[in-house]
Amino acid sequence: MIVIFKHFFYRNYVGLSLWPFIILKEDELKNDEVLINHERIHLRQQRELLIVPFYLLYLTEWLLRTVLYLNSYRAYQNISFEREAYANEKNPEYLSHRKAFSFVDYLVR
C-alpha cells in the first residue's frame, strides 16, 4: 500500500518502506517505477526477516558503517539492504527471481 506523507522526509529522501507501507513524499512519485521497485525490494527484505529484525539489523549496520566511514550518508549508501535495492531497482523482474536473503551477498564490499 502506498501512502503520501509530505512532511515525513529529511532533505532529499523521497521514499521509505515501513512494513507494509511504501511512504512517498509526493503523489507524483507513485509513477516512478524505479523508486517503487526499490521500495518493494525493501518490503521483501523486511518480510523475510520478520520485520523487526530487519530494522534492528538495518540500524546496527548503519551505526557500524557510520563509525567505519565517519560519514552517515556514505554509511547509508553501503548498508547491504540499500546496496541490494540500488543494484536491482531498475530490473522490474528482480523480485520474481530473487533468492531469499540476497542482501547477504552485499554485506562485504
PDB file of N, CA and C in Angstrom:
ATOM      1  N   MET A   1       0.843  -1.179   0.000  1.00  0.00           N
ATOM      2  CA  MET A   1       0.000   0.000   0.000  1.00  0.00           C
ATOM      3  C   MET A   1       0.893   1.249   0.000  1.00  0.00           C
ATOM      4  N   ILE A   2       0.583   2.177  -0.874  1.00  0.00           N
ATOM      5  CA  ILE A   2       1.364   3.405  -0.997  1.00  0.00           C
ATOM      6  C   ILE A   2       0.637   4.544  -0.287  1.00  0.00           C
ATOM      7  N   VAL A   3       1.395   5.274   0.536  1.00  0.00           N
ATOM      8  CA  VAL A   3       0.861   6.392   1.310  1.00  0.00           C
ATOM      9  C   VAL A   3       1.704   7.632   0.996  1.00  0.00           C
ATOM     10  N   ILE A   4       1.074   8.783   0.893  1.00  0.00           N
ATOM     11  CA  ILE A   4       1.778  10.048   0.661  1.00  0.00           C
ATOM     12  C   ILE A   4       1.814  10.815   1.980  1.00  0.00           C
ATOM     13  N   PHE A   5       3.029  11.206   2.371  1.00  0.00           N
ATOM     14  CA  PHE A   5       3.193  11.961   3.614  1.00  0.00           C
ATOM     15  C   PHE A   5       4.351  12.935   3.402  1.00  0.00           C
ATOM     16  N   LYS A   6       4.022  14.148   3.005  1.00  0.00           N
ATOM     17  CA  LYS A   6       4.992  15.134   2.552  1.00  0.00           C
ATOM     18  C   LYS A   6       5.978  15.598   3.613  1.00  0.00           C
ATOM     19  N   HIS A   7       5.570  15.609   4.862  1.00  0.00           N
ATOM     20  CA  HIS A   7       6.396  16.212   5.911  1.00  0.00           C
ATOM     21  C   HIS A   7       7.184  15.185   6.717  1.00  0.00           C
ATOM     22  N   PHE A   8       7.351  14.009   6.184  1.00  0.00           N
ATOM     23  CA  PHE A   8       7.998  12.918   6.896  1.00  0.00           C
ATOM     24  C   PHE A   8       9.477  12.795   6.550  1.00  0.00           C
ATOM     25  N   PHE A   9       9.898  13.432   5.455  1.00  0.00           N
ATOM     26  CA  PHE A   9      11.209  13.155   4.895  1.00  0.00           C
ATOM     27  C   PHE A   9      12.247  14.214   5.192  1.00  0.00           C
ATOM     28  N   TYR A  10      13.472  13.735   5.322  1.00  0.00           N
ATOM     29  CA  TYR A  10      14.635  14.553   5.604  1.00  0.00           C
ATOM     30  C   TYR A  10      15.380  14.831   4.302  1.00  0.00           C
ATOM     31  N   ARG A  11      15.668  16.065   4.035  1.00  0.00           N
ATOM     32  CA  ARG A  11      16.443  16.502   2.872  1.00  0.00           C
ATOM     33  C   ARG A  11      15.925  15.943   1.555  1.00  0.00           C
ATOM     34  N   ASN A  12      16.785  15.204   0.849  1.00  0.00           N
ATOM     35  CA  ASN A  12      16.451  14.731  -0.493  1.00  0.00           C
ATOM     36  C   ASN A  12      15.789  13.370  -0.533  1.00  0.00           C
ATOM     37  N   TYR A  13      15.484  12.795   0.606  1.00  0.00           N
ATOM     38  CA  TYR A  13      14.840  11.486   0.621  1.00  0.00           C
ATOM     39  C   TYR A  13      13.391  11.636   0.159  1.00  0.00           C
ATOM     40  N   VAL A  14      12.934  10.703  -0.668  1.00  0.00           N
ATOM     41  CA  VAL A  14      11.593  10.820  -1.230  1.00  0.00           C
ATOM     42  C   VAL A  14      10.722   9.587  -1.007  1.00  0.00           C
ATOM     43  N   GLY A  15      11.320   8.500  -0.532  1.00  0.00           N
ATOM     44  CA  GLY A  15      10.556   7.274  -0.326  1.00  0.00           C
ATOM     45  C   GLY A  15      11.102   6.472   0.829  1.00  0.00           C
ATOM     46  N   LEU A  16      10.211   5.665   1.415  1.00  0.00           N
ATOM     47  CA  LEU A  16      10.570   4.867   2.576  1.00  0.00           C
ATOM     48  C   LEU A  16       9.607   3.698   2.661  1.00  0.00           C
ATOM     49  N   SER A  17      10.125   2.551   3.058  1.00  0.00           N
ATOM     50  CA  SER A  17       9.279   1.375   3.258  1.00  0.00           C
ATOM     51  C   SER A  17       9.205   1.056   4.738  1.00  0.00           C
ATOM     52  N   LEU A  18       8.018   1.089   5.258  1.00  0.00           N
ATOM     53  CA  LEU A  18       7.741   0.667   6.639  1.00  0.00           C
ATOM     54  C   LEU A  18       6.623  -0.346   6.543  1.00  0.00           C
ATOM     55  N   TRP A  19       6.981  -1.595   6.719  1.00  0.00           N
ATOM     56  CA  TRP A  19       6.045  -2.698   6.515  1.00  0.00           C
ATOM     57  C   TRP A  19       4.673  -2.368   7.060  1.00  0.00           C
ATOM     58  N   PRO A  20       3.619  -2.513   6.293  1.00  0.00           N
ATOM     59  CA  PRO A  20       3.503  -2.946   4.899  1.00  0.00           C
ATOM     60  C   PRO A  20       3.338  -1.784   3.925  1.00  0.00           C
ATOM     61  N   PHE A  21       3.794  -0.609   4.315  1.00  0.00           N
ATOM     62  CA  PHE A  21       3.560   0.595   3.515  1.00  0.00           C
ATOM     63  C   PHE A  21       4.799   1.061   2.779  1.00  0.00           C
ATOM     64  N   ILE A  22       4.565   1.656   1.617  1.00  0.00           N
ATOM     65  CA  ILE A  22       5.567   2.468   0.933  1.00  0.00           C
ATOM     66  C   ILE A  22       5.101   3.898   1.145  1.00  0.00           C
ATOM     67  N   ILE A  23       5.930   4.695   1.783  1.00  0.00           N
ATOM     68  CA  ILE A  23       5.587   6.087   2.081  1.00  0.00           C
ATOM     69  C   ILE A  23       6.379   6.969   1.125  1.00  0.00           C
ATOM     70  N   LEU A  24       5.672   7.846   0.422  1.00  0.00           N
ATOM     71  CA  LEU A  24       6.292   8.720  -0.559  1.00  0.00           C
ATOM     72  C   LEU A  24       6.096  10.178  -0.182  1.00  0.00           C
ATOM     73  N   LYS A  25       7.018  11.005  -0.610  1.00  0.00           N
ATOM     74  CA  LYS A  25       6.968  12.433  -0.317  1.00  0.00           C
ATOM     75  C   LYS A  25       5.926  13.164  -1.152  1.00  0.00           C
ATOM     76  N   GLU A  26       5.728  12.715  -2.402  1.00  0.00           N
ATOM     77  CA  GLU A  26       4.802  13.385  -3.313  1.00  0.00           C
ATOM     78  C   GLU A  26       3.972  12.372  -4.084  1.00  0.00           C
ATOM     79  N   ASP A  27       2.770  12.740  -4.398  1.00  0.00           N
ATOM     80  CA  ASP A  27       1.843  11.859  -5.115  1.00  0.00           C
ATOM     81  C   ASP A  27       2.387  11.422  -6.479  1.00  0.00           C
ATOM     82  N   GLU A  28       3.098  12.331  -7.165  1.00  0.00           N
ATOM     83  CA  GLU A  28       3.625  12.030  -8.499  1.00  0.00           C
ATOM     84  C   GLU A  28       4.628  10.870  -8.476  1.00  0.00           C
ATOM     85  N   LEU A  29       5.240  10.626  -7.331  1.00  0.00           N
ATOM     86  CA  LEU A  29       6.246   9.568  -7.220  1.00  0.00           C
ATOM     87  C   LEU A  29       5.644   8.171  -7.348  1.00  0.00           C
ATOM     88  N   LYS A  30       4.320   8.063  -7.255  1.00  0.00           N
ATOM     89  CA  LYS A  30       3.670   6.761  -7.460  1.00  0.00           C
ATOM     90  C   LYS A  30       3.968   6.210  -8.854  1.00  0.00           C
ATOM     91  N   ASN A  31       4.267   7.101  -9.790  1.00  0.00           N
ATOM     92  CA  ASN A  31       4.533   6.707 -11.177  1.00  0.00           C
ATOM     93  C   ASN A  31       6.007   6.394 -11.436  1.00  0.00           C
ATOM     94  N   ASP A  32       6.851   6.576 -10.435  1.00  0.00           N
ATOM     95  CA  ASP A  32       8.281   6.315 -10.586  1.00  0.00           C
ATOM     96  C   ASP A  32       8.527   4.823 -10.351  1.00  0.00           C
ATOM     97  N   GLU A  33       8.579   4.070 -11.442  1.00  0.00           N
ATOM     98  CA  GLU A  33       8.690   2.611 -11.367  1.00  0.00           C
ATOM     99  C   GLU A  33       9.975   2.157 -10.691  1.00  0.00           C
ATOM    100  N   VAL A  34      11.066   2.883 -10.894  1.00  0.00           N
ATOM    101  CA  VAL A  34      12.346   2.516 -10.274  1.00  0.00           C
ATOM    102  C   VAL A  34      12.265   2.694  -8.764  1.00  0.00           C
ATOM    103  N   LEU A  35      11.738   3.822  -8.324  1.00  0.00           N
ATOM    104  CA  LEU A  35      11.590   4.073  -6.888  1.00  0.00           C
ATOM    105  C   LEU A  35      10.663   3.049  -6.236  1.00  0.00           C
ATOM    106  N   ILE A  36       9.547   2.775  -6.860  1.00  0.00           N
ATOM    107  CA  ILE A  36       8.594   1.800  -6.303  1.00  0.00           C
ATOM    108  C   ILE A  36       9.231   0.419  -6.239  1.00  0.00           C
ATOM    109  N   ASN A  37       9.977   0.041  -7.263  1.00  0.00           N
ATOM    110  CA  ASN A  37      10.661  -1.257  -7.243  1.00  0.00           C
ATOM    111  C   ASN A  37      11.704  -1.301  -6.124  1.00  0.00           C
ATOM    112  N   HIS A  38      12.449  -0.221  -5.938  1.00  0.00           N
ATOM    113  CA  HIS A  38      13.428  -0.116  -4.855  1.00  0.00           C
ATOM    114  C   HIS A  38      12.746  -0.361  -3.506  1.00  0.00           C
ATOM    115  N   GLU A  39      11.638   0.305  -3.292  1.00  0.00           N
ATOM    116  CA  GLU A  39      10.927   0.168  -2.012  1.00  0.00           C
ATOM    117  C   GLU A  39      10.302  -1.221  -1.863  1.00  0.00           C
ATOM    118  N   ARG A  40       9.865  -1.819  -2.947  1.00  0.00           N
ATOM    119  CA  ARG A  40       9.322  -3.192  -2.879  1.00  0.00           C
ATOM    120  C   ARG A  40      10.413  -4.195  -2.522  1.00  0.00           C
ATOM    121  N   ILE A  41      11.621  -3.949  -2.981  1.00  0.00           N
ATOM    122  CA  ILE A  41      12.741  -4.809  -2.581  1.00  0.00           C
ATOM    123  C   ILE A  41      12.914  -4.732  -1.069  1.00  0.00           C
ATOM    124  N   HIS A  42      12.816  -3.525  -0.519  1.00  0.00           N
ATOM    125  CA  HIS A  42      12.908  -3.381   0.942  1.00  0.00           C
ATOM    126  C   HIS A  42      11.757  -4.102   1.654  1.00  0.00           C
ATOM    127  N   LEU A  43      10.564  -4.039   1.095  1.00  0.00           N
ATOM    128  CA  LEU A  43       9.440  -4.753   1.714  1.00  0.00           C
ATOM    129  C   LEU A  43       9.696  -6.260   1.738  1.00  0.00           C
ATOM    130  N   ARG A  44      10.285  -6.790   0.674  1.00  0.00           N
ATOM    131  CA  ARG A  44      10.611  -8.213   0.639  1.00  0.00           C
ATOM    132  C   ARG A  44      11.674  -8.536   1.694  1.00  0.00           C
ATOM    133  N   GLN A  45      12.685  -7.688   1.813  1.00  0.00           N
ATOM    134  CA  GLN A  45      13.721  -7.881   2.829  1.00  0.00           C
ATOM    135  C   GLN A  45      13.099  -7.871   4.230  1.00  0.00           C
ATOM    136  N   GLN A  46      12.206  -6.931   4.460  1.00  0.00           N
ATOM    137  CA  GLN A  46      11.552  -6.821   5.767  1.00  0.00           C
ATOM    138  C   GLN A  46      10.738  -8.070   6.071  1.00  0.00           C
ATOM    139  N   ARG A  47       9.994  -8.535   5.097  1.00  0.00           N
ATOM    140  CA  ARG A  47       9.149  -9.719   5.292  1.00  0.00           C
ATOM    141  C   ARG A  47       9.981 -10.960   5.588  1.00  0.00           C
ATOM    142  N   GLU A  48      11.047 -11.165   4.842  1.00  0.00           N
ATOM    143  CA  GLU A  48      11.830 -12.380   5.049  1.00  0.00           C
ATOM    144  C   GLU A  48      12.575 -12.368   6.386  1.00  0.00           C
ATOM    145  N   LEU A  49      12.818 -11.183   6.934  1.00  0.00           N
ATOM    146  CA  LEU A  49      13.468 -11.095   8.244  1.00  0.00           C
ATOM    147  C   LEU A  49      12.455 -10.882   9.377  1.00  0.00           C
ATOM    148  N   LEU A  50      11.188 -11.049   9.057  1.00  0.00           N
ATOM    149  CA  LEU A  50      10.110 -10.924  10.047  1.00  0.00           C
ATOM    150  C   LEU A  50      10.030  -9.530  10.657  1.00  0.00           C
ATOM    151  N   ILE A  51      10.260  -8.544   9.871  1.00  0.00           N
ATOM    152  CA  ILE A  51      10.064  -7.120  10.076  1.00  0.00           C
ATOM    153  C   ILE A  51      10.959  -6.508  11.155  1.00  0.00           C
ATOM    154  N   VAL A  52      10.731  -6.773  12.415  1.00  0.00           N
ATOM    155  CA  VAL A  52      11.511  -6.123  13.479  1.00  0.00           C
ATOM    156  C   VAL A  52      13.011  -6.419  13.360  1.00  0.00           C
ATOM    157  N   PRO A  53      13.425  -7.672  13.135  1.00  0.00           N
ATOM    158  CA  PRO A  53      14.865  -7.910  12.964  1.00  0.00           C
ATOM    159  C   PRO A  53      15.467  -7.136  11.791  1.00  0.00           C
ATOM    160  N   PHE A  54      14.682  -6.906  10.740  1.00  0.00           N
ATOM    161  CA  PHE A  54      15.177  -6.091   9.629  1.00  0.00           C
ATOM    162  C   PHE A  54      15.598  -4.720  10.130  1.00  0.00           C
ATOM    163  N   TYR A  55      14.709  -4.064  10.877  1.00  0.00           N
ATOM    164  CA  TYR A  55      15.009  -2.716  11.358  1.00  0.00           C
ATOM    165  C   TYR A  55      16.190  -2.710  12.319  1.00  0.00           C
ATOM    166  N   LEU A  56      16.304  -3.727  13.141  1.00  0.00           N
ATOM    167  CA  LEU A  56      17.440  -3.819  14.076  1.00  0.00           C
ATOM    168  C   LEU A  56      18.751  -4.014  13.314  1.00  0.00           C
ATOM    169  N   LEU A  57      18.739  -4.886  12.320  1.00  0.00           N
ATOM    170  CA  LEU A  57      19.945  -5.102  11.518  1.00  0.00           C
ATOM    171  C   LEU A  57      20.288  -3.864  10.689  1.00  0.00           C
ATOM    172  N   TYR A  58      19.272  -3.228  10.135  1.00  0.00           N
ATOM    173  CA  TYR A  58      19.478  -2.022   9.331  1.00  0.00           C
ATOM    174  C   TYR A  58      20.154  -0.943  10.181  1.00  0.00           C
ATOM    175  N   LEU A  59      19.614  -0.693  11.362  1.00  0.00           N
ATOM    176  CA  LEU A  59      20.159   0.330  12.251  1.00  0.00           C
ATOM    177  C   LEU A  59      21.564  -0.042  12.716  1.00  0.00           C
ATOM    178  N   THR A  60      21.766  -1.293  13.073  1.00  0.00           N
ATOM    179  CA  THR A  60      23.082  -1.745  13.524  1.00  0.00           C
ATOM    180  C   THR A  60      24.118  -1.575  12.423  1.00  0.00           C
ATOM    181  N   GLU A  61      23.765  -1.992  11.217  1.00  0.00           N
ATOM    182  CA  GLU A  61      24.712  -1.865  10.106  1.00  0.00           C
ATOM    183  C   GLU A  61      25.000  -0.395   9.810  1.00  0.00           C
ATOM    184  N   TRP A  62      23.974   0.450   9.869  1.00  0.00           N
ATOM    185  CA  TRP A  62      24.186   1.877   9.632  1.00  0.00           C
ATOM    186  C   TRP A  62      25.110   2.473  10.695  1.00  0.00           C
ATOM    187  N   LEU A  63      24.905   2.121  11.953  1.00  0.00           N
ATOM    188  CA  LEU A  63      25.758   2.639  13.030  1.00  0.00           C
ATOM    189  C   LEU A  63      27.205   2.187  12.862  1.00  0.00           C
ATOM    190  N   LEU A  64      27.404   0.910  12.580  1.00  0.00           N
ATOM    191  CA  LEU A  64      28.764   0.395  12.396  1.00  0.00           C
ATOM    192  C   LEU A  64      29.465   1.047  11.211  1.00  0.00           C
ATOM    193  N   ARG A  65      28.728   1.197  10.128  1.00  0.00           N
ATOM    194  CA  ARG A  65      29.330   1.811   8.946  1.00  0.00           C
ATOM    195  C   ARG A  65      29.557   3.318   9.147  1.00  0.00           C
ATOM    196  N   THR A  66      28.731   3.967   9.933  1.00  0.00           N
ATOM    197  CA  THR A  66      28.955   5.383  10.241  1.00  0.00           C
ATOM    198  C   THR A  66      30.265   5.551  10.996  1.00  0.00           C
ATOM    199  N   VAL A  67      30.523   4.664  11.942  1.00  0.00           N
ATOM    200  CA  VAL A  67      31.794   4.700  12.668  1.00  0.00           C
ATOM    201  C   VAL A  67      32.952   4.386  11.716  1.00  0.00           C
ATOM    202  N   LEU A  68      32.760   3.396  10.848  1.00  0.00           N
ATOM    203  CA  LEU A  68      33.805   2.990   9.914  1.00  0.00           C
ATOM    204  C   LEU A  68      34.158   4.107   8.936  1.00  0.00           C
ATOM    205  N   TYR A  69      33.137   4.747   8.348  1.00  0.00           N
ATOM    206  CA  TYR A  69      33.365   5.761   7.321  1.00  0.00           C
ATOM    207  C   TYR A  69      33.417   7.187   7.862  1.00  0.00           C
ATOM    208  N   LEU A  70      32.959   7.369   9.086  1.00  0.00           N
ATOM    209  CA  LEU A  70      32.845   8.709   9.677  1.00  0.00           C
ATOM    210  C   LEU A  70      31.995   9.631   8.814  1.00  0.00           C
ATOM    211  N   ASN A  71      30.971   9.019   8.182  1.00  0.00           N
ATOM    212  CA  ASN A  71      30.088   9.760   7.285  1.00  0.00           C
ATOM    213  C   ASN A  71      28.759   9.011   7.232  1.00  0.00           C
ATOM    214  N   SER A  72      27.709   9.607   7.766  1.00  0.00           N
ATOM    215  CA  SER A  72      26.432   8.900   7.871  1.00  0.00           C
ATOM    216  C   SER A  72      25.782   8.630   6.516  1.00  0.00           C
ATOM    217  N   TYR A  73      25.956   9.536   5.547  1.00  0.00           N
ATOM    218  CA  TYR A  73      25.357   9.293   4.234  1.00  0.00           C
ATOM    219  C   TYR A  73      26.094   8.173   3.503  1.00  0.00           C
ATOM    220  N   ARG A  74      27.397   8.162   3.579  1.00  0.00           N
ATOM    221  CA  ARG A  74      28.162   7.061   2.967  1.00  0.00           C
ATOM    222  C   ARG A  74      27.816   5.738   3.641  1.00  0.00           C
ATOM    223  N   ALA A  75      27.605   5.786   4.949  1.00  0.00           N
ATOM    224  CA  ALA A  75      27.193   4.585   5.679  1.00  0.00           C
ATOM    225  C   ALA A  75      25.855   4.088   5.139  1.00  0.00           C
ATOM    226  N   TYR A  76      24.906   4.994   4.977  1.00  0.00           N
ATOM    227  CA  TYR A  76      23.592   4.643   4.425  1.00  0.00           C
ATOM    228  C   TYR A  76      23.743   3.983   3.055  1.00  0.00           C
ATOM    229  N   GLN A  77      24.544   4.563   2.190  1.00  0.00           N
ATOM    230  CA  GLN A  77      24.729   4.039   0.832  1.00  0.00           C
ATOM    231  C   GLN A  77      25.319   2.635   0.828  1.00  0.00           C
ATOM    232  N   ASN A  78      26.028   2.267   1.890  1.00  0.00           N
ATOM    233  CA  ASN A  78      26.710   0.987   1.935  1.00  0.00           C
ATOM    234  C   ASN A  78      26.033  -0.052   2.816  1.00  0.00           C
ATOM    235  N   ILE A  79      24.864   0.240   3.325  1.00  0.00           N
ATOM    236  CA  ILE A  79      24.093  -0.765   4.051  1.00  0.00           C
ATOM    237  C   ILE A  79      23.730  -1.856   3.050  1.00  0.00           C
ATOM    238  N   SER A  80      23.893  -3.101   3.431  1.00  0.00           N
ATOM    239  CA  SER A  80      23.652  -4.217   2.497  1.00  0.00           C
ATOM    240  C   SER A  80      22.247  -4.177   1.909  1.00  0.00           C
ATOM    241  N   PHE A  81      21.257  -3.819   2.692  1.00  0.00           N
ATOM    242  CA  PHE A  81      19.877  -3.744   2.193  1.00  0.00           C
ATOM    243  C   PHE A  81      19.752  -2.692   1.101  1.00  0.00           C
ATOM    244  N   GLU A  82      20.403  -1.552   1.302  1.00  0.00           N
ATOM    245  CA  GLU A  82      20.364  -0.477   0.307  1.00  0.00           C
ATOM    246  C   GLU A  82      21.156  -0.857  -0.933  1.00  0.00           C
ATOM    247  N   ARG A  83      22.289  -1.485  -0.744  1.00  0.00           N
ATOM    248  CA  ARG A  83      23.106  -1.887  -1.888  1.00  0.00           C
ATOM    249  C   ARG A  83      22.348  -2.855  -2.792  1.00  0.00           C
ATOM    250  N   GLU A  84      21.645  -3.815  -2.178  1.00  0.00           N
ATOM    251  CA  GLU A  84      20.842  -4.741  -2.986  1.00  0.00           C
ATOM    252  C   GLU A  84      19.744  -3.984  -3.729  1.00  0.00           C
ATOM    253  N   ALA A  85      19.042  -3.106  -3.023  1.00  0.00           N
ATOM    254  CA  ALA A  85      17.932  -2.382  -3.639  1.00  0.00           C
ATOM    255  C   ALA A  85      18.412  -1.472  -4.772  1.00  0.00           C
ATOM    256  N   TYR A  86      19.493  -0.732  -4.544  1.00  0.00           N
ATOM    257  CA  TYR A  86      20.004   0.147  -5.597  1.00  0.00           C
ATOM    258  C   TYR A  86      20.530  -0.643  -6.789  1.00  0.00           C
ATOM    259  N   ALA A  87      21.175  -1.768  -6.537  1.00  0.00           N
ATOM    260  CA  ALA A  87      21.743  -2.573  -7.619  1.00  0.00           C
ATOM    261  C   ALA A  87      20.667  -3.175  -8.519  1.00  0.00           C
ATOM    262  N   ASN A  88      19.467  -3.367  -7.975  1.00  0.00           N
ATOM    263  CA  ASN A  88      18.429  -4.078  -8.720  1.00  0.00           C
ATOM    264  C   ASN A  88      17.154  -3.278  -8.968  1.00  0.00           C
ATOM    265  N   GLU A  89      17.135  -2.021  -8.592  1.00  0.00           N
ATOM    266  CA  GLU A  89      15.911  -1.226  -8.689  1.00  0.00           C
ATOM    267  C   GLU A  89      15.439  -1.016 -10.130  1.00  0.00           C
ATOM    268  N   LYS A  90      16.334  -1.070 -11.076  1.00  0.00           N
ATOM    269  CA  LYS A  90      15.957  -0.848 -12.486  1.00  0.00           C
ATOM    270  C   LYS A  90      15.522  -2.128 -13.185  1.00  0.00           C
ATOM    271  N   ASN A  91      15.545  -3.227 -12.476  1.00  0.00           N
ATOM    272  CA  ASN A  91      15.133  -4.514 -13.036  1.00  0.00           C
ATOM    273  C   ASN A  91      13.740  -4.860 -12.518  1.00  0.00           C
ATOM    274  N   PRO A  92      12.701  -4.617 -13.309  1.00  0.00           N
ATOM    275  CA  PRO A  92      11.340  -4.875 -12.828  1.00  0.00           C
ATOM    276  C   PRO A  92      11.055  -6.356 -12.562  1.00  0.00           C
ATOM    277  N   GLU A  93      11.890  -7.240 -13.078  1.00  0.00           N
ATOM    278  CA  GLU A  93      11.706  -8.686 -12.875  1.00  0.00           C
ATOM    279  C   GLU A  93      12.485  -9.225 -11.674  1.00  0.00           C
ATOM    280  N   TYR A  94      13.263  -8.362 -11.023  1.00  0.00           N
ATOM    281  CA  TYR A  94      14.157  -8.826  -9.955  1.00  0.00           C
ATOM    282  C   TYR A  94      13.436  -9.609  -8.859  1.00  0.00           C
ATOM    283  N   LEU A  95      12.342  -9.092  -8.371  1.00  0.00           N
ATOM    284  CA  LEU A  95      11.661  -9.756  -7.255  1.00  0.00           C
ATOM    285  C   LEU A  95      11.075 -11.114  -7.641  1.00  0.00           C
ATOM    286  N   SER A  96      10.816 -11.317  -8.914  1.00  0.00           N
ATOM    287  CA  SER A  96      10.243 -12.594  -9.341  1.00  0.00           C
ATOM    288  C   SER A  96      11.274 -13.725  -9.325  1.00  0.00           C
ATOM    289  N   HIS A  97      12.561 -13.381  -9.352  1.00  0.00           N
ATOM    290  CA  HIS A  97      13.591 -14.425  -9.321  1.00  0.00           C
ATOM    291  C   HIS A  97      14.590 -14.256  -8.178  1.00  0.00           C
ATOM    292  N   ARG A  98      14.366 -13.290  -7.319  1.00  0.00           N
ATOM    293  CA  ARG A  98      15.266 -13.038  -6.190  1.00  0.00           C
ATOM    294  C   ARG A  98      15.247 -14.207  -5.214  1.00  0.00           C
ATOM    295  N   LYS A  99      16.435 -14.607  -4.785  1.00  0.00           N
ATOM    296  CA  LYS A  99      16.554 -15.655  -3.778  1.00  0.00           C
ATOM    297  C   LYS A  99      16.448 -15.025  -2.398  1.00  0.00           C
ATOM    298  N   ALA A 100      15.918 -15.772  -1.448  1.00  0.00           N
ATOM    299  CA  ALA A 100      15.778 -15.283  -0.079  1.00  0.00           C
ATOM    300  C   ALA A 100      17.148 -14.889   0.484  1.00  0.00           C
ATOM    301  N   PHE A 101      17.143 -13.839   1.267  1.00  0.00           N
ATOM    302  CA  PHE A 101      18.336 -13.343   1.955  1.00  0.00           C
ATOM    303  C   PHE A 101      19.444 -12.920   0.990  1.00  0.00           C
ATOM    304  N   SER A 102      19.068 -12.438  -0.172  1.00  0.00           N
ATOM    305  CA  SER A 102      20.056 -11.997  -1.161  1.00  0.00           C
ATOM    306  C   SER A 102      20.875 -10.811  -0.675  1.00  0.00           C
ATOM    307  N   PHE A 103      20.360 -10.059   0.280  1.00  0.00           N
ATOM    308  CA  PHE A 103      21.103  -8.909   0.796  1.00  0.00           C
ATOM    309  C   PHE A 103      22.437  -9.339   1.411  1.00  0.00           C
ATOM    310  N   VAL A 104      22.543 -10.593   1.845  1.00  0.00           N
ATOM    311  CA  VAL A 104      23.780 -11.101   2.459  1.00  0.00           C
ATOM    312  C   VAL A 104      24.945 -10.992   1.478  1.00  0.00           C
ATOM    313  N   ASP A 105      24.660 -11.157   0.188  1.00  0.00           N
ATOM    314  CA  ASP A 105      25.706 -11.042  -0.835  1.00  0.00           C
ATOM    315  C   ASP A 105      26.289  -9.629  -0.893  1.00  0.00           C
ATOM    316  N   TYR A 106      25.599  -8.654  -0.327  1.00  0.00           N
ATOM    317  CA  TYR A 106      26.028  -7.257  -0.380  1.00  0.00           C
ATOM    318  C   TYR A 106      26.653  -6.792   0.936  1.00  0.00           C
ATOM    319  N   LEU A 107      26.809  -7.686   1.899  1.00  0.00           N
ATOM    320  CA  LEU A 107      27.379  -7.312   3.200  1.00  0.00           C
ATOM    321  C   LEU A 107      28.833  -6.886   3.107  1.00  0.00           C
ATOM    322  N   VAL A 108      29.612  -7.601   2.314  1.00  0.00           N
ATOM    323  CA  VAL A 108      31.034  -7.311   2.204  1.00  0.00           C
ATOM    324  C   VAL A 108      31.293  -6.643   0.868  1.00  0.00           C
ATOM    325  N   ARG A 109      31.988  -5.574   0.908  1.00  0.00           N
ATOM    326  CA  ARG A 109      32.284  -4.819  -0.310  1.00  0.00           C
ATOM    327  C   ARG A 109      33.411  -5.468  -1.059  1.00  0.00           C
TER     328      ARG A 109
END
